[in-house]
Amino acid sequence: MKTLRKRTTTGGQALWTWPPVAFVFVLVVVPLIFVALYSVGLRSNIPGTKTGFDLANWKDFLFGPTNPFRALFWHSMTITVVVSIAVTLAAYPLAYFLSFVARKNRYTLLLLVLAPFFTSFLLRVIAWQAILNENGVVNSFLMWTGLRAADDPVTWLIYSNFAVVLVLFYSWIPFVALPIFVVLENMDRRLLEASEDLGSSRLATFLRVTLPLSLPGVIAGFVFVLIPTTGEFITPLLVGGTDSQLFGNQIQSFFSVSPDWNYGSVLAMTLIIVVLILMLIFGRFLSADLRDTSTRSAR
C-alpha cells in the first residue's frame, strides 16, 4: 500500500513538472534550434534563397584571414572579463560592510542600494548619457570650477570603452553584491569567534575563514555578471559610440540593420557556445566550493 501511494505521489509530482519544462523548451530550446539551422544554411530569411547544409559562414568567421568579427569577439570578451573582475572586487567590500558592519541597518542599506535599479535599465543608461556627454553634468562641473575651459570638454567620458565599462560596472555591482551578502549572512559566526579565540588576527581570520567560506557567493556573483555582459548591446549602443561596439551589437545589426540572419546566427551560436562552456566550468567550481563549505561546516 505504501509503495502504491509512493508511486502515485511520484507520478503526480512528475506530472506537475511537465508544464514548466514544456514552457522552457518552447521559449528557449526551440529558438536555439532555429538559430542553429540558420547558422548552417538550412534556413534563410531571404525569400527564394536556396537552402542547404553549408559551413561557409562558419569557416569565414573562424578561419578568415581578415575577418573583423573575430577581433571584435576577443575585444568584447576582454571588456566582459574586466567588468566582471572589477564588479566582483568592488561588490565584496560592499557585501562585507552590509553583513558585518551595518548590522541592524543592513537590510535598510541594502534596499537603498537596490532602489535605483527598480527603474528601467534603459532610463538609467540614458541618464548616464546626460552625466557623461560633452555638455553633461561632469563636464559642466569641471567648467564651473575652472578645472576645464568652456570650449575644452573631456571628450573620452562618453562614446568610449571607458563609458561602456563604467556603465556596466554601475549596472551590475548591486546584483553581484547580493549573492555575496547572502553567503556572508548565512555564515556560521562561531567559526569566526573560534578563529579569534585561537589567536588569529582579524586579517588572518578573514583570509583563512571568511574568504574561503564566501567563495561560493563570489563565484556566483562573478558568473552572474559575466554571462549577461557577453551579449550586451544596449549599453555600447547608447554610450559606446561607433568605435566601442561589442559583439552583441554586431549580432543585433545582422538581424535588423543589414539583415543576414545566416551570418548573424553564426555569431549568435558562437556566443551561446561560449556561455555554455563558461557555465559548465564555473558550475563545477561552484559545486566543488559548496561541497567544501558543507564539509568545513560539518567539522
C-alpha atoms as a PDB file:
ATOM      1  CA  MET A   1       0.000   0.000   0.000  1.00  0.00           C
ATOM      2  CA  LYS A   2       2.830   2.372   0.887  1.00  0.00           C
ATOM      3  CA  THR A   3       4.620   1.505  -2.354  1.00  0.00           C
ATOM      4  CA  LEU A   4       1.487   2.250  -4.402  1.00  0.00           C
ATOM      5  CA  ARG A   5       0.979   5.569  -2.603  1.00  0.00           C
ATOM      6  CA  LYS A   6       4.643   6.480  -3.155  1.00  0.00           C
ATOM      7  CA  ARG A   7       4.384   5.715  -6.870  1.00  0.00           C
ATOM      8  CA  THR A   8       1.187   7.774  -7.150  1.00  0.00           C
ATOM      9  CA  THR A   9       2.813  10.717  -5.384  1.00  0.00           C
ATOM     10  CA  THR A  10       5.912  10.498  -7.583  1.00  0.00           C
ATOM     11  CA  GLY A  11       3.757  10.289 -10.709  1.00  0.00           C
ATOM     12  CA  GLY A  12       1.753  13.341  -9.621  1.00  0.00           C
ATOM     13  CA  GLN A  13       4.895  15.347  -8.952  1.00  0.00           C
ATOM     14  CA  ALA A  14       6.298  14.406 -12.351  1.00  0.00           C
ATOM     15  CA  LEU A  15       3.044  15.490 -13.984  1.00  0.00           C
ATOM     16  CA  TRP A  16       3.339  18.959 -12.428  1.00  0.00           C
ATOM     17  CA  THR A  17       6.865  19.362 -13.833  1.00  0.00           C
ATOM     18  CA  TRP A  18       5.752  18.998 -17.457  1.00  0.00           C
ATOM     19  CA  PRO A  19       4.225  22.496 -17.931  1.00  0.00           C
ATOM     20  CA  PRO A  20       7.381  24.416 -16.879  1.00  0.00           C
ATOM     21  CA  VAL A  21       9.591  22.002 -18.847  1.00  0.00           C
ATOM     22  CA  ALA A  22       7.429  22.497 -21.945  1.00  0.00           C
ATOM     23  CA  PHE A  23       7.458  26.272 -21.371  1.00  0.00           C
ATOM     24  CA  VAL A  24      11.272  26.362 -21.224  1.00  0.00           C
ATOM     25  CA  PHE A  25      11.545  24.071 -24.239  1.00  0.00           C
ATOM     26  CA  VAL A  26       9.287  26.237 -26.411  1.00  0.00           C
ATOM     27  CA  LEU A  27      10.768  29.597 -25.393  1.00  0.00           C
ATOM     28  CA  VAL A  28      14.449  28.619 -25.056  1.00  0.00           C
ATOM     29  CA  VAL A  29      15.328  25.374 -26.822  1.00  0.00           C
ATOM     30  CA  VAL A  30      13.199  25.804 -29.964  1.00  0.00           C
ATOM     31  CA  PRO A  31      14.594  29.287 -30.792  1.00  0.00           C
ATOM     32  CA  LEU A  32      18.125  27.931 -30.309  1.00  0.00           C
ATOM     33  CA  ILE A  33      17.364  25.140 -32.749  1.00  0.00           C
ATOM     34  CA  PHE A  34      16.199  27.673 -35.341  1.00  0.00           C
ATOM     35  CA  VAL A  35      19.328  29.790 -34.800  1.00  0.00           C
ATOM     36  CA  ALA A  36      21.472  26.679 -35.285  1.00  0.00           C
ATOM     37  CA  LEU A  37      19.619  25.848 -38.518  1.00  0.00           C
ATOM     38  CA  TYR A  38      20.218  29.373 -39.840  1.00  0.00           C
ATOM     39  CA  SER A  39      23.914  29.156 -38.923  1.00  0.00           C
ATOM     40  CA  VAL A  40      24.469  26.100 -41.143  1.00  0.00           C
ATOM     41  CA  GLY A  41      22.377  27.347 -44.057  1.00  0.00           C
ATOM     42  CA  LEU A  42      19.372  25.054 -43.597  1.00  0.00           C
ATOM     43  CA  ARG A  43      17.115  28.101 -43.324  1.00  0.00           C
ATOM     44  CA  SER A  44      17.290  31.624 -44.762  1.00  0.00           C
ATOM     45  CA  ASN A  45      15.492  34.908 -44.144  1.00  0.00           C
ATOM     46  CA  ILE A  46      15.776  35.914 -47.815  1.00  0.00           C
ATOM     47  CA  PRO A  47      12.810  34.635 -49.870  1.00  0.00           C
ATOM     48  CA  GLY A  48      13.784  32.444 -52.786  1.00  0.00           C
ATOM     49  CA  THR A  49      17.250  31.673 -51.435  1.00  0.00           C
ATOM     50  CA  LYS A  50      18.331  28.076 -51.945  1.00  0.00           C
ATOM     51  CA  THR A  51      18.914  26.406 -48.588  1.00  0.00           C
ATOM     52  CA  GLY A  52      21.203  23.515 -47.802  1.00  0.00           C
ATOM     53  CA  PHE A  53      23.843  22.441 -45.324  1.00  0.00           C
ATOM     54  CA  ASP A  54      26.696  24.929 -45.693  1.00  0.00           C
ATOM     55  CA  LEU A  55      29.548  25.754 -43.305  1.00  0.00           C
ATOM     56  CA  ALA A  56      30.968  28.612 -45.393  1.00  0.00           C
ATOM     57  CA  ASN A  57      29.945  31.252 -42.842  1.00  0.00           C
ATOM     58  CA  TRP A  58      31.480  29.271 -40.010  1.00  0.00           C
ATOM     59  CA  LYS A  59      34.730  28.838 -41.949  1.00  0.00           C
ATOM     60  CA  ASP A  60      34.828  32.553 -42.737  1.00  0.00           C
ATOM     61  CA  PHE A  61      34.275  33.541 -39.108  1.00  0.00           C
ATOM     62  CA  LEU A  62      36.703  31.030 -37.593  1.00  0.00           C
ATOM     63  CA  PHE A  63      39.458  30.962 -40.194  1.00  0.00           C
ATOM     64  CA  GLY A  64      39.002  34.021 -42.430  1.00  0.00           C
ATOM     65  CA  PRO A  65      42.377  35.822 -42.511  1.00  0.00           C
ATOM     66  CA  THR A  66      40.912  39.343 -42.273  1.00  0.00           C
ATOM     67  CA  ASN A  67      37.625  38.651 -40.510  1.00  0.00           C
ATOM     68  CA  PRO A  68      36.810  41.719 -38.328  1.00  0.00           C
ATOM     69  CA  PHE A  69      34.192  39.937 -36.229  1.00  0.00           C
ATOM     70  CA  ARG A  70      36.724  37.575 -34.682  1.00  0.00           C
ATOM     71  CA  ALA A  71      38.757  40.520 -33.388  1.00  0.00           C
ATOM     72  CA  LEU A  72      35.534  42.133 -32.144  1.00  0.00           C
ATOM     73  CA  PHE A  73      34.697  38.930 -30.281  1.00  0.00           C
ATOM     74  CA  TRP A  74      38.009  38.946 -28.399  1.00  0.00           C
ATOM     75  CA  HIS A  75      37.661  42.669 -27.687  1.00  0.00           C
ATOM     76  CA  SER A  76      34.181  42.064 -26.256  1.00  0.00           C
ATOM     77  CA  MET A  77      35.374  39.170 -24.112  1.00  0.00           C
ATOM     78  CA  THR A  78      38.192  41.357 -22.754  1.00  0.00           C
ATOM     79  CA  ILE A  79      35.705  44.081 -21.796  1.00  0.00           C
ATOM     80  CA  THR A  80      33.433  41.451 -20.239  1.00  0.00           C
ATOM     81  CA  VAL A  81      36.202  39.925 -18.106  1.00  0.00           C
ATOM     82  CA  VAL A  82      37.474  43.345 -16.993  1.00  0.00           C
ATOM     83  CA  VAL A  83      33.969  44.431 -15.969  1.00  0.00           C
ATOM     84  CA  SER A  84      33.280  41.129 -14.182  1.00  0.00           C
ATOM     85  CA  ILE A  85      36.523  41.246 -12.181  1.00  0.00           C
ATOM     86  CA  ALA A  86      36.113  44.932 -11.311  1.00  0.00           C
ATOM     87  CA  VAL A  87      32.491  44.492 -10.227  1.00  0.00           C
ATOM     88  CA  THR A  88      33.289  41.439  -8.091  1.00  0.00           C
ATOM     89  CA  LEU A  89      36.218  43.187  -6.384  1.00  0.00           C
ATOM     90  CA  ALA A  90      34.045  46.216  -5.633  1.00  0.00           C
ATOM     91  CA  ALA A  91      30.969  44.233  -4.610  1.00  0.00           C
ATOM     92  CA  TYR A  92      32.767  42.171  -1.964  1.00  0.00           C
ATOM     93  CA  PRO A  93      33.600  45.111   0.368  1.00  0.00           C
ATOM     94  CA  LEU A  94      30.037  46.364  -0.058  1.00  0.00           C
ATOM     95  CA  ALA A  95      28.590  42.976   0.890  1.00  0.00           C
ATOM     96  CA  TYR A  96      31.059  42.643   3.771  1.00  0.00           C
ATOM     97  CA  PHE A  97      30.108  46.082   5.097  1.00  0.00           C
ATOM     98  CA  LEU A  98      26.400  45.287   4.948  1.00  0.00           C
ATOM     99  CA  SER A  99      26.832  41.927   6.687  1.00  0.00           C
ATOM    100  CA  PHE A 100      29.459  42.666   9.360  1.00  0.00           C
ATOM    101  CA  VAL A 101      29.460  46.437   9.911  1.00  0.00           C
ATOM    102  CA  ALA A 102      25.962  47.761   9.216  1.00  0.00           C
ATOM    103  CA  ARG A 103      24.335  45.052  11.374  1.00  0.00           C
ATOM    104  CA  LYS A 104      20.843  46.284  12.365  1.00  0.00           C
ATOM    105  CA  ASN A 105      20.661  48.691   9.431  1.00  0.00           C
ATOM    106  CA  ARG A 106      21.975  46.232   6.836  1.00  0.00           C
ATOM    107  CA  TYR A 107      18.627  45.481   5.188  1.00  0.00           C
ATOM    108  CA  THR A 108      17.691  49.161   5.041  1.00  0.00           C
ATOM    109  CA  LEU A 109      21.022  49.983   3.390  1.00  0.00           C
ATOM    110  CA  LEU A 110      20.653  47.040   1.034  1.00  0.00           C
ATOM    111  CA  LEU A 111      17.265  48.338  -0.021  1.00  0.00           C
ATOM    112  CA  LEU A 112      18.765  51.786  -0.641  1.00  0.00           C
ATOM    113  CA  VAL A 113      21.491  50.231  -2.796  1.00  0.00           C
ATOM    114  CA  LEU A 114      18.926  48.331  -4.852  1.00  0.00           C
ATOM    115  CA  ALA A 115      16.329  51.124  -5.036  1.00  0.00           C
ATOM    116  CA  PRO A 116      17.662  52.845  -8.206  1.00  0.00           C
ATOM    117  CA  PHE A 117      17.520  49.512 -10.010  1.00  0.00           C
ATOM    118  CA  PHE A 118      13.761  49.273  -9.663  1.00  0.00           C
ATOM    119  CA  THR A 119      13.577  51.731 -12.584  1.00  0.00           C
ATOM    120  CA  SER A 120      14.066  50.850 -16.246  1.00  0.00           C
ATOM    121  CA  PHE A 121      17.559  49.790 -17.284  1.00  0.00           C
ATOM    122  CA  LEU A 122      17.194  51.861 -20.455  1.00  0.00           C
ATOM    123  CA  LEU A 123      16.375  55.002 -18.465  1.00  0.00           C
ATOM    124  CA  ARG A 124      19.414  54.510 -16.261  1.00  0.00           C
ATOM    125  CA  VAL A 125      21.724  54.201 -19.271  1.00  0.00           C
ATOM    126  CA  ILE A 126      20.201  57.328 -20.829  1.00  0.00           C
ATOM    127  CA  ALA A 127      20.783  59.112 -17.519  1.00  0.00           C
ATOM    128  CA  TRP A 128      24.466  58.221 -17.820  1.00  0.00           C
ATOM    129  CA  GLN A 129      24.438  59.861 -21.243  1.00  0.00           C
ATOM    130  CA  ALA A 130      23.329  63.093 -19.564  1.00  0.00           C
ATOM    131  CA  ILE A 131      26.069  62.723 -16.963  1.00  0.00           C
ATOM    132  CA  LEU A 132      28.966  61.889 -19.284  1.00  0.00           C
ATOM    133  CA  ASN A 133      28.392  63.770 -22.548  1.00  0.00           C
ATOM    134  CA  GLU A 134      30.370  66.869 -23.520  1.00  0.00           C
ATOM    135  CA  ASN A 135      27.804  69.283 -22.037  1.00  0.00           C
ATOM    136  CA  GLY A 136      26.717  66.915 -19.281  1.00  0.00           C
ATOM    137  CA  VAL A 137      26.949  67.036 -15.508  1.00  0.00           C
ATOM    138  CA  VAL A 138      30.629  66.113 -15.187  1.00  0.00           C
ATOM    139  CA  ASN A 139      31.918  68.487 -17.848  1.00  0.00           C
ATOM    140  CA  SER A 140      29.647  71.285 -16.617  1.00  0.00           C
ATOM    141  CA  PHE A 141      31.052  70.868 -13.112  1.00  0.00           C
ATOM    142  CA  LEU A 142      34.649  70.899 -14.411  1.00  0.00           C
ATOM    143  CA  MET A 143      33.976  74.080 -16.388  1.00  0.00           C
ATOM    144  CA  TRP A 144      32.173  75.729 -13.447  1.00  0.00           C
ATOM    145  CA  THR A 145      35.122  75.050 -11.120  1.00  0.00           C
ATOM    146  CA  GLY A 146      37.624  76.257 -13.725  1.00  0.00           C
ATOM    147  CA  LEU A 147      39.340  72.876 -13.993  1.00  0.00           C
ATOM    148  CA  ARG A 148      38.422  72.764 -17.669  1.00  0.00           C
ATOM    149  CA  ALA A 149      37.981  75.507 -20.248  1.00  0.00           C
ATOM    150  CA  ALA A 150      34.469  76.132 -21.545  1.00  0.00           C
ATOM    151  CA  ASP A 151      35.471  75.150 -25.073  1.00  0.00           C
ATOM    152  CA  ASP A 152      37.552  72.139 -23.996  1.00  0.00           C
ATOM    153  CA  PRO A 153      35.315  69.417 -22.520  1.00  0.00           C
ATOM    154  CA  VAL A 154      36.593  65.946 -21.611  1.00  0.00           C
ATOM    155  CA  THR A 155      35.617  64.011 -24.723  1.00  0.00           C
ATOM    156  CA  TRP A 156      36.597  60.486 -23.659  1.00  0.00           C
ATOM    157  CA  LEU A 157      33.945  60.344 -20.919  1.00  0.00           C
ATOM    158  CA  ILE A 158      31.289  59.411 -23.498  1.00  0.00           C
ATOM    159  CA  TYR A 159      31.323  57.183 -26.587  1.00  0.00           C
ATOM    160  CA  SER A 160      34.375  55.249 -25.464  1.00  0.00           C
ATOM    161  CA  ASN A 161      35.376  51.946 -23.882  1.00  0.00           C
ATOM    162  CA  PHE A 162      35.646  53.828 -20.581  1.00  0.00           C
ATOM    163  CA  ALA A 163      31.956  54.784 -20.753  1.00  0.00           C
ATOM    164  CA  VAL A 164      30.927  51.208 -21.581  1.00  0.00           C
ATOM    165  CA  VAL A 165      32.938  49.754 -18.686  1.00  0.00           C
ATOM    166  CA  LEU A 166      31.719  52.432 -16.249  1.00  0.00           C
ATOM    167  CA  VAL A 167      28.016  51.998 -17.042  1.00  0.00           C
ATOM    168  CA  LEU A 168      28.238  48.190 -16.985  1.00  0.00           C
ATOM    169  CA  PHE A 169      30.082  48.423 -13.652  1.00  0.00           C
ATOM    170  CA  TYR A 170      27.331  50.618 -12.234  1.00  0.00           C
ATOM    171  CA  SER A 171      24.604  48.383 -13.639  1.00  0.00           C
ATOM    172  CA  TRP A 172      25.804  45.136 -12.093  1.00  0.00           C
ATOM    173  CA  ILE A 173      27.501  45.901  -8.778  1.00  0.00           C
ATOM    174  CA  PRO A 174      24.351  45.603  -6.574  1.00  0.00           C
ATOM    175  CA  PHE A 175      23.383  42.286  -8.165  1.00  0.00           C
ATOM    176  CA  VAL A 176      26.868  40.863  -7.592  1.00  0.00           C
ATOM    177  CA  ALA A 177      26.935  42.104  -4.002  1.00  0.00           C
ATOM    178  CA  LEU A 178      23.623  40.374  -3.280  1.00  0.00           C
ATOM    179  CA  PRO A 179      24.755  36.687  -3.540  1.00  0.00           C
ATOM    180  CA  ILE A 180      27.960  37.510  -1.641  1.00  0.00           C
ATOM    181  CA  PHE A 181      25.895  39.213   1.072  1.00  0.00           C
ATOM    182  CA  VAL A 182      23.593  36.177   1.336  1.00  0.00           C
ATOM    183  CA  VAL A 183      26.549  33.808   1.801  1.00  0.00           C
ATOM    184  CA  LEU A 184      28.149  36.074   4.407  1.00  0.00           C
ATOM    185  CA  GLU A 185      24.845  36.428   6.259  1.00  0.00           C
ATOM    186  CA  ASN A 186      24.379  32.649   6.463  1.00  0.00           C
ATOM    187  CA  MET A 187      27.957  32.041   7.593  1.00  0.00           C
ATOM    188  CA  ASP A 188      28.358  30.402  10.993  1.00  0.00           C
ATOM    189  CA  ARG A 189      29.766  33.257  13.114  1.00  0.00           C
ATOM    190  CA  ARG A 190      31.016  30.753  15.683  1.00  0.00           C
ATOM    191  CA  LEU A 191      33.800  29.837  13.245  1.00  0.00           C
ATOM    192  CA  LEU A 192      34.999  33.441  13.282  1.00  0.00           C
ATOM    193  CA  GLU A 193      34.866  33.547  17.078  1.00  0.00           C
ATOM    194  CA  ALA A 194      36.795  30.283  17.279  1.00  0.00           C
ATOM    195  CA  SER A 195      39.472  31.635  14.960  1.00  0.00           C
ATOM    196  CA  GLU A 196      39.886  34.759  17.109  1.00  0.00           C
ATOM    197  CA  ASP A 197      39.926  32.681  20.312  1.00  0.00           C
ATOM    198  CA  LEU A 198      42.805  30.652  18.840  1.00  0.00           C
ATOM    199  CA  GLY A 199      44.835  33.835  18.447  1.00  0.00           C
ATOM    200  CA  SER A 200      44.254  34.735  14.802  1.00  0.00           C
ATOM    201  CA  SER A 201      44.195  38.391  13.861  1.00  0.00           C
ATOM    202  CA  ARG A 202      41.233  39.885  12.046  1.00  0.00           C
ATOM    203  CA  LEU A 203      43.151  39.763   8.761  1.00  0.00           C
ATOM    204  CA  ALA A 204      44.143  36.125   9.277  1.00  0.00           C
ATOM    205  CA  THR A 205      40.556  35.229  10.197  1.00  0.00           C
ATOM    206  CA  PHE A 206      39.308  36.908   7.047  1.00  0.00           C
ATOM    207  CA  LEU A 207      41.866  35.203   4.796  1.00  0.00           C
ATOM    208  CA  ARG A 208      41.576  31.732   6.348  1.00  0.00           C
ATOM    209  CA  VAL A 209      37.900  31.580   7.312  1.00  0.00           C
ATOM    210  CA  THR A 210      35.657  34.325   5.908  1.00  0.00           C
ATOM    211  CA  LEU A 211      37.041  34.483   2.371  1.00  0.00           C
ATOM    212  CA  PRO A 212      37.148  30.695   1.714  1.00  0.00           C
ATOM    213  CA  LEU A 213      33.627  30.231   3.085  1.00  0.00           C
ATOM    214  CA  SER A 214      32.307  33.111   0.970  1.00  0.00           C
ATOM    215  CA  LEU A 215      33.819  31.846  -2.309  1.00  0.00           C
ATOM    216  CA  PRO A 216      30.536  30.255  -3.498  1.00  0.00           C
ATOM    217  CA  GLY A 217      28.897  33.687  -3.352  1.00  0.00           C
ATOM    218  CA  VAL A 218      31.897  35.292  -5.067  1.00  0.00           C
ATOM    219  CA  ILE A 219      31.852  32.776  -7.905  1.00  0.00           C
ATOM    220  CA  ALA A 220      28.069  33.028  -8.243  1.00  0.00           C
ATOM    221  CA  GLY A 221      28.284  36.829  -8.400  1.00  0.00           C
ATOM    222  CA  PHE A 222      31.139  36.703 -10.929  1.00  0.00           C
ATOM    223  CA  VAL A 223      29.167  34.368 -13.190  1.00  0.00           C
ATOM    224  CA  PHE A 224      26.044  36.467 -12.651  1.00  0.00           C
ATOM    225  CA  VAL A 225      27.727  39.456 -14.310  1.00  0.00           C
ATOM    226  CA  LEU A 226      29.982  37.552 -16.745  1.00  0.00           C
ATOM    227  CA  ILE A 227      27.245  35.656 -18.578  1.00  0.00           C
ATOM    228  CA  PRO A 228      24.858  38.563 -19.368  1.00  0.00           C
ATOM    229  CA  THR A 229      27.588  41.024 -20.345  1.00  0.00           C
ATOM    230  CA  THR A 230      28.940  38.674 -23.035  1.00  0.00           C
ATOM    231  CA  GLY A 231      25.923  39.554 -25.185  1.00  0.00           C
ATOM    232  CA  GLU A 232      25.388  43.145 -24.009  1.00  0.00           C
ATOM    233  CA  PHE A 233      24.410  45.581 -26.766  1.00  0.00           C
ATOM    234  CA  ILE A 234      22.189  48.297 -25.243  1.00  0.00           C
ATOM    235  CA  THR A 235      24.938  49.952 -23.190  1.00  0.00           C
ATOM    236  CA  PRO A 236      27.544  50.078 -26.010  1.00  0.00           C
ATOM    237  CA  LEU A 237      24.849  51.334 -28.387  1.00  0.00           C
ATOM    238  CA  LEU A 238      23.950  54.295 -26.159  1.00  0.00           C
ATOM    239  CA  VAL A 239      27.264  55.253 -24.536  1.00  0.00           C
ATOM    240  CA  GLY A 240      29.878  53.406 -26.592  1.00  0.00           C
ATOM    241  CA  GLY A 241      29.545  55.080 -29.978  1.00  0.00           C
ATOM    242  CA  THR A 242      30.640  53.568 -33.275  1.00  0.00           C
ATOM    243  CA  ASP A 243      34.197  52.797 -32.124  1.00  0.00           C
ATOM    244  CA  SER A 244      33.279  50.999 -28.885  1.00  0.00           C
ATOM    245  CA  GLN A 245      30.701  48.485 -30.034  1.00  0.00           C
ATOM    246  CA  LEU A 246      30.683  44.948 -28.651  1.00  0.00           C
ATOM    247  CA  PHE A 247      29.978  41.553 -30.176  1.00  0.00           C
ATOM    248  CA  GLY A 248      26.304  41.737 -29.223  1.00  0.00           C
ATOM    249  CA  ASN A 249      25.900  44.936 -31.265  1.00  0.00           C
ATOM    250  CA  GLN A 250      27.118  43.154 -34.387  1.00  0.00           C
ATOM    251  CA  ILE A 251      24.704  40.281 -33.824  1.00  0.00           C
ATOM    252  CA  GLN A 252      21.849  42.757 -33.392  1.00  0.00           C
ATOM    253  CA  SER A 253      22.938  44.516 -36.594  1.00  0.00           C
ATOM    254  CA  PHE A 254      22.840  41.311 -38.636  1.00  0.00           C
ATOM    255  CA  PHE A 255      19.277  40.660 -37.509  1.00  0.00           C
ATOM    256  CA  SER A 256      17.963  44.204 -38.042  1.00  0.00           C
ATOM    257  CA  VAL A 257      20.087  46.846 -39.784  1.00  0.00           C
ATOM    258  CA  SER A 258      21.633  44.692 -42.517  1.00  0.00           C
ATOM    259  CA  PRO A 259      19.584  41.501 -42.370  1.00  0.00           C
ATOM    260  CA  ASP A 260      21.797  38.463 -42.841  1.00  0.00           C
ATOM    261  CA  TRP A 261      20.342  36.001 -40.411  1.00  0.00           C
ATOM    262  CA  ASN A 262      22.673  33.221 -41.547  1.00  0.00           C
ATOM    263  CA  TYR A 263      25.864  35.059 -40.627  1.00  0.00           C
ATOM    264  CA  GLY A 264      24.235  36.629 -37.573  1.00  0.00           C
ATOM    265  CA  SER A 265      23.294  33.145 -36.391  1.00  0.00           C
ATOM    266  CA  VAL A 266      26.926  32.062 -36.659  1.00  0.00           C
ATOM    267  CA  LEU A 267      27.918  34.908 -34.323  1.00  0.00           C
ATOM    268  CA  ALA A 268      24.986  34.163 -32.002  1.00  0.00           C
ATOM    269  CA  MET A 269      25.817  30.447 -31.834  1.00  0.00           C
ATOM    270  CA  THR A 270      29.438  31.310 -31.048  1.00  0.00           C
ATOM    271  CA  LEU A 271      28.276  33.391 -28.116  1.00  0.00           C
ATOM    272  CA  ILE A 272      25.878  30.679 -26.960  1.00  0.00           C
ATOM    273  CA  ILE A 273      28.625  28.038 -27.061  1.00  0.00           C
ATOM    274  CA  VAL A 274      30.978  30.292 -25.087  1.00  0.00           C
ATOM    275  CA  VAL A 275      28.286  30.951 -22.461  1.00  0.00           C
ATOM    276  CA  LEU A 276      27.538  27.222 -22.112  1.00  0.00           C
ATOM    277  CA  ILE A 277      31.245  26.447 -21.667  1.00  0.00           C
ATOM    278  CA  LEU A 278      31.563  29.167 -19.030  1.00  0.00           C
ATOM    279  CA  MET A 279      28.505  27.838 -17.195  1.00  0.00           C
ATOM    280  CA  LEU A 280      29.946  24.314 -17.166  1.00  0.00           C
ATOM    281  CA  ILE A 281      33.348  25.489 -15.934  1.00  0.00           C
ATOM    282  CA  PHE A 282      32.091  27.782 -13.199  1.00  0.00           C
ATOM    283  CA  GLY A 283      29.304  25.351 -12.317  1.00  0.00           C
ATOM    284  CA  ARG A 284      31.927  22.741 -11.457  1.00  0.00           C
ATOM    285  CA  PHE A 285      33.914  25.234  -9.373  1.00  0.00           C
ATOM    286  CA  LEU A 286      30.741  26.353  -7.592  1.00  0.00           C
ATOM    287  CA  SER A 287      29.712  22.760  -6.849  1.00  0.00           C
ATOM    288  CA  ALA A 288      33.183  21.964  -5.511  1.00  0.00           C
ATOM    289  CA  ASP A 289      33.165  25.062  -3.292  1.00  0.00           C
ATOM    290  CA  LEU A 290      29.716  24.233  -1.952  1.00  0.00           C
ATOM    291  CA  ARG A 291      30.875  20.703  -1.079  1.00  0.00           C
ATOM    292  CA  ASP A 292      33.990  22.064   0.630  1.00  0.00           C
ATOM    293  CA  THR A 293      31.895  24.608   2.541  1.00  0.00           C
ATOM    294  CA  SER A 294      29.496  21.903   3.710  1.00  0.00           C
ATOM    295  CA  THR A 295      32.441  19.737   4.829  1.00  0.00           C
ATOM    296  CA  ARG A 296      34.007  22.603   6.789  1.00  0.00           C
ATOM    297  CA  SER A 297      30.668  23.440   8.430  1.00  0.00           C
ATOM    298  CA  ALA A 298      30.137  19.806   9.394  1.00  0.00           C
ATOM    299  CA  ARG A 299      33.551  19.684  11.006  1.00  0.00           C
END
